[in-house]
Amino acid sequence: MEIKTIARKWGNSMAVIIPKEAVERKRIRENEEIVISIQKRTLAGDLFGKFPRKSGKTGQEIKDEIRKGW
């Protein structure tokens, strides 16, 4: 089950709220130990420069090619 939620400041810690539907579906009870997997959403800017270019062209050359048809 995947849940998207927002981390919020709670004192000196961070907290997340588990939606009621997820609590009911997984039958989570108060004080019950659960395991949470944390994955930060990747932003497009974080991917810049991560993939090698196969064409060998510069970024400016690629932009110029794209703009030719405009």
Protein backbone atom coordinates (compact mmCIF):
# COMPACT_ATOMS: atom_id res chain seq x y z
CA MET A 1 0.00 0.00 0.00
CA GLU A 2 1.36 3.41 -0.92
CA ILE A 3 0.31 6.58 0.87
CA LYS A 4 1.35 10.11 -0.03
CA THR A 5 1.43 12.55 2.87
CA ILE A 6 3.33 15.62 4.03
CA ALA A 7 5.86 15.69 6.85
CA ARG A 8 5.11 18.38 9.43
CA LYS A 9 7.12 19.84 12.29
CA TRP A 10 6.09 18.51 15.71
CA GLY A 11 8.27 20.00 18.44
CA ASN A 12 11.86 19.12 17.47
CA SER A 13 10.71 16.16 15.35
CA MET A 14 8.86 15.56 12.09
CA ALA A 15 5.51 13.79 11.98
CA VAL A 16 3.17 12.34 9.36
CA ILE A 17 -0.52 11.60 9.62
CA ILE A 18 -1.74 8.24 8.40
CA PRO A 19 -5.11 8.67 6.66
CA LYS A 20 -8.13 7.02 8.27
CA GLU A 21 -8.72 4.81 5.21
CA ALA A 22 -5.19 3.35 5.50
CA VAL A 23 -5.57 2.79 9.25
CA GLU A 24 -8.83 0.91 8.72
CA ARG A 25 -7.54 -1.05 5.74
CA LYS A 26 -4.40 -2.23 7.57
CA ARG A 27 -6.21 -2.49 10.92
CA ILE A 28 -3.63 -0.36 12.72
CA ARG A 29 -4.27 0.02 16.45
CA GLU A 30 -2.96 2.58 18.91
CA ASN A 31 0.50 1.73 20.33
CA GLU A 32 0.94 -0.97 17.70
CA GLU A 33 4.41 -1.16 16.14
CA ILE A 34 4.39 -0.48 12.38
CA VAL A 35 7.12 -0.20 9.74
CA ILE A 36 7.25 2.87 7.50
CA SER A 37 9.33 3.06 4.32
CA ILE A 38 10.45 6.62 3.56
CA GLN A 39 11.13 7.81 0.00
CA LYS A 40 11.63 11.42 -0.87
CA ARG A 41 9.93 12.61 -4.04
CA THR A 42 12.48 13.30 -6.77
CA LEU A 43 12.29 16.76 -8.28
CA ALA A 44 13.15 17.34 -11.95
CA GLY A 45 16.05 19.61 -10.96
CA ASP A 46 17.60 16.78 -8.94
CA LEU A 47 17.90 14.72 -12.14
CA PHE A 48 19.81 17.38 -14.10
CA GLY A 49 23.10 15.95 -15.37
CA LYS A 50 22.41 12.41 -14.10
CA PHE A 51 21.90 10.81 -17.52
CA PRO A 52 24.67 10.69 -20.12
CA ARG A 53 23.99 12.22 -23.54
CA LYS A 54 24.22 9.78 -26.39
CA SER A 55 24.29 12.48 -29.06
CA GLY A 56 27.34 14.33 -27.77
CA LYS A 57 25.56 17.65 -28.38
CA THR A 58 25.61 20.49 -25.90
CA GLY A 59 22.47 21.64 -24.15
CA GLN A 60 22.42 24.78 -26.28
CA GLU A 61 22.63 22.73 -29.51
CA ILE A 62 19.69 20.61 -28.40
CA LYS A 63 17.62 23.71 -27.54
CA ASP A 64 18.46 25.25 -30.93
CA GLU A 65 17.27 22.09 -32.73
CA ILE A 66 14.00 22.09 -30.78
CA ARG A 67 13.36 25.74 -31.59
CA LYS A 68 13.93 25.33 -35.36
CA GLY A 69 10.31 24.37 -35.96
CA TRP A 70 8.83 27.33 -34.07
